[in-house]
Amino acid sequence: MAQLLLNDSCIVTVAHSRTRDLASICRRADMLVAAVGRPETIPGDWAKAGVAVIDVGINRIARDGKQQLVGEVDFSSAAQIVGATTQVPGGVGPMTIACLLANTVTSCCRAHRVRSPSGSLYEPRAIRRST
């Protein structure tokens, strides 16, 4: 994700769970991509008002005697602050599957020396068609 954003001239800060003053870094972000590997690591007060949140994590926790899937961002405390967020479960999962399928098709085409389908995610930018 960081490389995709860099390719589009975004300023990217990469941090991890042990980064000093992670809360301060999160509060400065216009877009927050969370992939920490721990459930509900990022509380809502770490988010800047109106920030876009892409929550990549899917964690299974026990809550009220039931198993529940949650993300890396504590949705209940962030919901009133953030501008937009992906839902967990179901947010980035379908996009991940779509990209894996696109990679599979691209690999197959390359292996058989066949041109990739038009509109492929991996067409060079100069010849990508606008829709």
Protein backbone atom coordinates (compact mmCIF):
# COMPACT_ATOMS: atom_id res chain seq x y z
CA MET A 1 0.00 0.00 0.00
CA ALA A 2 2.84 2.36 0.86
CA GLN A 3 4.45 1.80 -2.55
CA LEU A 4 1.16 2.34 -4.38
CA LEU A 5 0.70 5.67 -2.58
CA LEU A 6 4.31 6.69 -3.25
CA ASN A 7 3.82 5.93 -6.94
CA ASP A 8 0.99 8.49 -6.91
CA SER A 9 3.22 11.15 -5.27
CA CYS A 10 1.76 10.84 -1.78
CA ILE A 11 3.86 11.53 1.29
CA VAL A 12 3.98 8.25 3.21
CA THR A 13 5.02 7.59 6.79
CA VAL A 14 5.47 3.95 7.73
CA ALA A 15 5.28 3.08 11.41
CA HIS A 16 4.93 -0.11 13.42
CA SER A 17 3.48 -1.14 16.76
CA ARG A 18 6.65 -0.19 18.63
CA THR A 19 7.17 3.20 16.98
CA ARG A 20 7.73 5.93 19.56
CA ASP A 21 4.67 8.13 19.98
CA LEU A 22 2.62 6.20 17.45
CA ALA A 23 -0.48 8.12 18.54
CA SER A 24 1.07 11.41 17.40
CA ILE A 25 1.96 9.97 14.00
CA CYS A 26 -1.56 8.60 13.55
CA ARG A 27 -3.11 11.97 14.51
CA ARG A 28 -1.22 13.72 11.67
CA ALA A 29 -2.35 11.29 8.96
CA ASP A 30 -4.88 12.22 6.27
CA MET A 31 -5.20 8.51 5.48
CA LEU A 32 -4.54 5.80 8.01
CA VAL A 33 -3.81 2.26 6.83
CA ALA A 34 -3.80 -0.12 9.78
CA ALA A 35 -2.11 -3.51 9.49
CA VAL A 36 -0.68 -4.04 12.96
CA GLY A 37 -1.58 -7.66 13.59
CA ARG A 38 -3.29 -6.94 16.90
CA PRO A 39 -7.02 -6.39 17.45
CA GLU A 40 -8.26 -2.85 18.10
CA THR A 41 -4.74 -1.46 18.60
CA ILE A 42 -5.62 2.02 17.34
CA PRO A 43 -8.21 3.82 19.48
CA GLY A 44 -10.44 6.49 18.00
CA ASP A 45 -8.65 9.34 19.77
CA TRP A 46 -5.53 8.54 17.74
CA ALA A 47 -7.35 9.53 14.53
CA LYS A 48 -7.61 13.03 13.12
CA ALA A 49 -11.15 14.22 12.46
CA GLY A 50 -12.27 13.27 8.96
CA VAL A 51 -9.39 10.87 8.27
CA ALA A 52 -9.91 7.99 5.84
CA VAL A 53 -9.15 4.65 7.50
CA ILE A 54 -8.26 1.46 5.65
CA ASP A 55 -8.34 -1.30 8.24
CA VAL A 56 -6.49 -4.29 6.82
CA GLY A 57 -6.54 -6.46 9.92
CA ILE A 58 -8.96 -9.27 10.64
CA ASN A 59 -8.69 -10.58 14.18
CA ARG A 60 -10.89 -13.07 16.00
CA ILE A 61 -11.60 -12.15 19.62
CA ALA A 62 -13.95 -13.41 22.33
CA ARG A 63 -16.42 -10.75 23.44
CA ASP A 64 -19.43 -11.36 25.68
CA GLY A 65 -18.87 -15.10 25.36
CA LYS A 66 -19.03 -15.00 21.55
CA GLN A 67 -16.36 -15.03 18.85
CA GLN A 68 -16.20 -11.77 16.90
CA LEU A 69 -14.11 -10.48 13.99
CA VAL A 70 -12.59 -7.04 14.55
CA GLY A 71 -9.99 -4.89 12.86
CA GLU A 72 -6.88 -3.10 14.00
CA VAL A 73 -8.80 0.14 14.61
CA ASP A 74 -11.25 0.27 17.52
CA PHE A 75 -14.28 0.99 15.39
CA SER A 76 -16.62 1.87 18.26
CA SER A 77 -14.40 4.75 19.41
CA ALA A 78 -13.33 5.83 15.89
CA ALA A 79 -16.73 5.82 14.18
CA GLN A 80 -17.65 9.34 15.33
CA ILE A 81 -14.27 10.82 14.34
CA VAL A 82 -13.21 9.32 11.01
CA GLY A 83 -14.56 10.48 7.68
CA ALA A 84 -14.64 7.06 6.04
CA THR A 85 -13.52 3.58 6.97
CA THR A 86 -13.46 0.07 5.61
CA GLN A 87 -15.55 -2.39 7.55
CA VAL A 88 -14.20 -5.49 9.25
CA PRO A 89 -15.07 -8.08 8.14
CA GLY A 90 -15.72 -7.48 4.45
CA GLY A 91 -13.78 -4.28 3.78
CA VAL A 92 -10.48 -5.04 2.08
CA GLY A 93 -11.08 -8.78 1.69
CA PRO A 94 -13.00 -8.57 -1.62
CA MET A 95 -10.35 -6.18 -3.03
CA THR A 96 -7.58 -8.56 -1.96
CA ILE A 97 -9.33 -11.43 -3.75
CA ALA A 98 -9.82 -9.28 -6.88
CA CYS A 99 -6.13 -8.35 -6.94
CA LEU A 100 -5.05 -11.97 -6.43
CA LEU A 101 -7.27 -13.02 -9.32
CA ALA A 102 -5.88 -10.21 -11.51
CA ASN A 103 -2.32 -11.32 -10.64
CA THR A 104 -3.22 -14.92 -11.51
CA VAL A 105 -4.59 -13.89 -14.92
CA THR A 106 -1.55 -11.68 -15.60
CA SER A 107 0.85 -14.49 -14.62
CA CYS A 108 -0.97 -16.99 -16.80
CA CYS A 109 -0.89 -14.62 -19.78
CA ARG A 110 2.84 -14.01 -19.30
CA ALA A 111 3.56 -17.73 -18.92
CA HIS A 112 1.75 -18.49 -22.19
CA ARG A 113 3.02 -15.34 -23.95
CA VAL A 114 -0.52 -14.04 -24.42
CA ARG A 115 -1.42 -10.37 -24.16
CA SER A 116 -3.08 -9.46 -20.84
CA PRO A 117 -6.74 -8.42 -21.04
CA SER A 118 -7.38 -4.75 -21.77
CA GLY A 119 -7.93 -2.69 -18.64
CA SER A 120 -5.65 -4.91 -16.59
CA LEU A 121 -4.50 -3.49 -13.26
CA TYR A 122 -0.96 -3.90 -14.49
CA GLU A 123 -1.11 -2.19 -17.86
CA PRO A 124 1.64 0.40 -17.99
CA ARG A 125 0.28 3.79 -16.94
CA ALA A 126 1.07 5.39 -20.31
CA ILE A 127 -1.33 3.07 -22.16
CA ARG A 128 -3.95 2.53 -19.44
CA ARG A 129 -7.33 3.47 -20.80
CA SER A 130 -9.53 5.88 -18.88
CA THR A 131 -13.03 4.74 -18.06
